[in-house]
Amino acid sequence: MSSSASPDAMAQNASGETEAMPPRYHIQLSLFEAQGRSFAYLARQRMCPQSLARLGEEVEVRVPVAQPRSRKVTFQSKAARYGDDPIAVIQECCAKTSEYRERQLGLKEILFRLLLADGNRPKTAEELYGEVMEWVSFSDGRVITPQAIQRLLERDDFYCFAPVPEGPS
């Protein structure tokens, strides 16, 4: 893997030496807007028929609310439209269908769907590699390595993959 980790993404190994932590990638939603594109449109194209049929339906969602005095988080219900949060819809419904995990998809599309299915939680190329290998079949002839995945993530401009800036621990 390349050593493109930020200076903040450093850790000490067992012998006390400082080494770069591997970058973690996510889908950077703001890049879609910067490119004049719609993330919601692209995400909806990955939704299952059941979710597409419910788009716009009024639903009740729980939202976290911080209580400043007690420093606790409580949840309140509020009305929303189904599909307003396409990542949540895909994570909670669509990613669980067999159609979502088609083995013949391109590798970048698989990476995009894996991140969507996990709520866009940042992951390293190594973590994504493990998940990709559970998705695809060895018999399909693809040669996939963590390094190849990292190169795809670094050179992408369609799915808006981006490294997550690491802050101090």
Protein backbone atom coordinates (compact mmCIF):
# COMPACT_ATOMS: atom_id res chain seq x y z
CA MET A 1 0.00 0.00 0.00
CA SER A 2 1.15 3.52 -0.58
CA SER A 3 2.36 5.63 2.28
CA SER A 4 -0.11 8.41 1.62
CA ALA A 5 -1.35 8.51 5.21
CA SER A 6 -1.51 11.95 6.76
CA PRO A 7 0.93 12.87 9.54
CA ASP A 8 -1.99 12.68 11.97
CA ALA A 9 -2.58 9.05 10.98
CA MET A 10 0.49 7.71 12.76
CA ALA A 11 0.77 5.00 15.38
CA GLN A 12 3.51 3.28 17.28
CA ASN A 13 4.21 -0.36 16.53
CA ALA A 14 5.25 -2.94 19.13
CA SER A 15 8.88 -1.84 19.02
CA GLY A 16 7.95 1.80 19.64
CA GLU A 17 8.61 2.99 16.09
CA THR A 18 6.14 5.35 14.46
CA GLU A 19 4.44 4.00 11.37
CA ALA A 20 1.71 5.31 9.10
CA MET A 21 -1.79 3.98 9.63
CA PRO A 22 -3.43 2.85 6.41
CA PRO A 23 -5.94 5.36 5.06
CA ARG A 24 -9.63 4.64 5.60
CA TYR A 25 -11.99 5.41 2.73
CA HIS A 26 -15.62 6.43 2.51
CA ILE A 27 -17.98 7.95 -0.04
CA GLN A 28 -17.51 11.70 0.29
CA LEU A 29 -21.01 12.99 -0.34
CA SER A 30 -19.93 16.63 -0.73
CA LEU A 31 -17.91 15.70 -3.83
CA PHE A 32 -21.11 14.83 -5.69
CA GLU A 33 -22.45 18.34 -5.14
CA ALA A 34 -19.08 19.86 -6.08
CA GLN A 35 -19.29 17.93 -9.38
CA GLY A 36 -22.88 19.03 -9.98
CA ARG A 37 -24.14 15.48 -9.47
CA SER A 38 -26.75 13.92 -7.20
CA PHE A 39 -25.68 11.30 -4.69
CA ALA A 40 -29.34 10.54 -3.95
CA TYR A 41 -29.96 9.72 -7.62
CA LEU A 42 -26.96 7.39 -7.81
CA ALA A 43 -27.91 5.70 -4.53
CA ARG A 44 -31.54 5.21 -5.61
CA GLN A 45 -30.30 3.23 -8.60
CA ARG A 46 -29.00 0.64 -6.10
CA MET A 47 -32.28 0.38 -4.17
CA CYS A 48 -34.39 -2.75 -4.26
CA PRO A 49 -37.88 -2.69 -5.83
CA GLN A 50 -39.54 -2.78 -2.39
CA SER A 51 -37.72 0.37 -1.27
CA LEU A 52 -38.28 2.16 -4.56
CA ALA A 53 -42.02 1.53 -4.17
CA ARG A 54 -41.95 3.22 -0.76
CA LEU A 55 -40.00 6.36 -1.78
CA GLY A 56 -41.69 9.47 -0.45
CA GLU A 57 -43.90 7.57 1.99
CA GLU A 58 -44.18 9.33 5.34
CA VAL A 59 -42.35 7.44 8.07
CA GLU A 60 -41.31 8.08 11.64
CA VAL A 61 -37.57 8.13 12.34
CA ARG A 62 -35.63 8.29 15.57
CA VAL A 63 -33.04 11.04 15.77
CA PRO A 64 -30.40 11.46 18.47
CA VAL A 65 -30.62 14.62 20.57
CA ALA A 66 -27.78 15.67 22.87
CA GLN A 67 -28.83 16.82 26.33
CA PRO A 68 -26.27 19.52 27.25
CA ARG A 69 -26.83 19.45 31.00
CA SER A 70 -26.64 15.70 31.47
CA ARG A 71 -24.30 15.08 28.52
CA LYS A 72 -26.53 12.20 27.52
CA VAL A 73 -28.04 11.44 24.17
CA THR A 74 -31.73 10.74 23.92
CA PHE A 75 -33.82 9.89 20.90
CA GLN A 76 -36.83 11.72 19.58
CA SER A 77 -39.22 10.67 16.87
CA LYS A 78 -39.83 12.88 13.89
CA ALA A 79 -41.67 12.56 10.61
CA ALA A 80 -39.61 12.06 7.47
CA ARG A 81 -40.04 10.76 3.94
CA TYR A 82 -38.87 7.24 3.17
CA GLY A 83 -35.75 7.52 1.05
CA ASP A 84 -34.62 10.91 2.37
CA ASP A 85 -31.61 9.03 3.74
CA PRO A 86 -30.76 6.64 0.92
CA ILE A 87 -27.79 5.16 2.78
CA ALA A 88 -30.05 4.10 5.67
CA VAL A 89 -32.57 2.57 3.25
CA ILE A 90 -29.87 0.56 1.49
CA GLN A 91 -28.27 -0.50 4.77
CA GLU A 92 -31.52 -1.52 6.44
CA CYS A 93 -33.28 -3.13 3.47
CA CYS A 94 -31.72 -3.34 0.02
CA ALA A 95 -28.27 -4.65 0.99
CA LYS A 96 -29.94 -7.71 2.49
CA THR A 97 -31.40 -8.82 -0.86
CA SER A 98 -29.60 -11.27 -3.15
CA GLU A 99 -29.94 -8.85 -6.11
CA TYR A 100 -27.78 -6.29 -4.30
CA ARG A 101 -24.80 -8.67 -4.27
CA GLU A 102 -24.50 -9.62 -7.93
CA ARG A 103 -21.15 -11.34 -8.44
CA GLN A 104 -20.66 -9.96 -11.97
CA LEU A 105 -20.53 -6.31 -10.93
CA GLY A 106 -17.39 -4.29 -11.54
CA LEU A 107 -14.99 -3.91 -8.64
CA LYS A 108 -15.63 -0.17 -8.12
CA GLU A 109 -19.37 -0.83 -8.06
CA ILE A 110 -18.83 -3.58 -5.49
CA LEU A 111 -16.75 -1.21 -3.34
CA PHE A 112 -19.48 1.44 -3.59
CA ARG A 113 -22.18 -1.05 -2.59
CA LEU A 114 -20.10 -2.38 0.31
CA LEU A 115 -19.67 1.10 1.74
CA LEU A 116 -23.37 1.86 1.28
CA ALA A 117 -24.36 -1.43 2.91
CA ASP A 118 -22.33 -0.55 5.99
CA GLY A 119 -23.70 2.96 6.35
CA ASN A 120 -20.66 4.57 4.67
CA ARG A 121 -18.46 3.63 7.63
CA PRO A 122 -14.83 4.34 6.65
CA LYS A 123 -12.75 1.25 5.88
CA THR A 124 -9.20 0.47 4.87
CA ALA A 125 -8.39 -1.16 1.54
CA GLU A 126 -7.51 -4.31 3.50
CA GLU A 127 -10.94 -4.39 5.18
CA LEU A 128 -12.68 -3.84 1.86
CA TYR A 129 -10.55 -6.57 0.28
CA GLY A 130 -11.82 -9.08 2.86
CA GLU A 131 -15.41 -8.11 2.12
CA VAL A 132 -14.88 -8.19 -1.66
CA MET A 133 -13.45 -11.70 -1.41
CA GLU A 134 -16.62 -12.81 0.40
CA TRP A 135 -18.64 -11.28 -2.46
CA VAL A 136 -16.88 -12.54 -5.57
CA SER A 137 -15.99 -16.05 -6.65
CA PHE A 138 -12.40 -17.16 -7.21
CA SER A 139 -13.56 -18.90 -10.37
CA ASP A 140 -14.50 -15.65 -12.13
CA GLY A 141 -10.85 -15.04 -13.01
CA ARG A 142 -10.37 -11.69 -11.28
CA VAL A 143 -7.06 -10.92 -9.65
CA ILE A 144 -7.92 -8.72 -6.69
CA THR A 145 -5.43 -7.50 -4.08
CA PRO A 146 -5.65 -4.92 -1.31
CA GLN A 147 -3.16 -2.82 -3.29
CA ALA A 148 -5.39 -2.90 -6.39
CA ILE A 149 -8.37 -1.86 -4.27
CA GLN A 150 -6.43 1.03 -2.77
CA ARG A 151 -5.38 2.22 -6.26
CA LEU A 152 -9.02 2.13 -7.40
CA LEU A 153 -10.12 4.10 -4.34
CA GLU A 154 -7.38 6.69 -4.82
CA ARG A 155 -8.00 7.17 -8.55
CA ASP A 156 -11.79 7.22 -8.56
CA ASP A 157 -13.75 10.28 -9.64
CA PHE A 158 -17.17 8.72 -10.30
CA TYR A 159 -18.15 7.13 -6.97
CA CYS A 160 -16.44 9.91 -4.95
CA PHE A 161 -14.33 7.61 -2.79
CA ALA A 162 -12.04 9.64 -0.56
CA PRO A 163 -9.72 9.05 2.38
CA VAL A 164 -11.07 10.16 5.74
CA PRO A 165 -8.79 12.77 7.31
CA GLU A 166 -7.40 11.28 10.51
CA GLY A 167 -7.41 13.51 13.52
CA PRO A 168 -5.18 13.16 16.57
CA SER A 169 -6.16 10.27 18.80
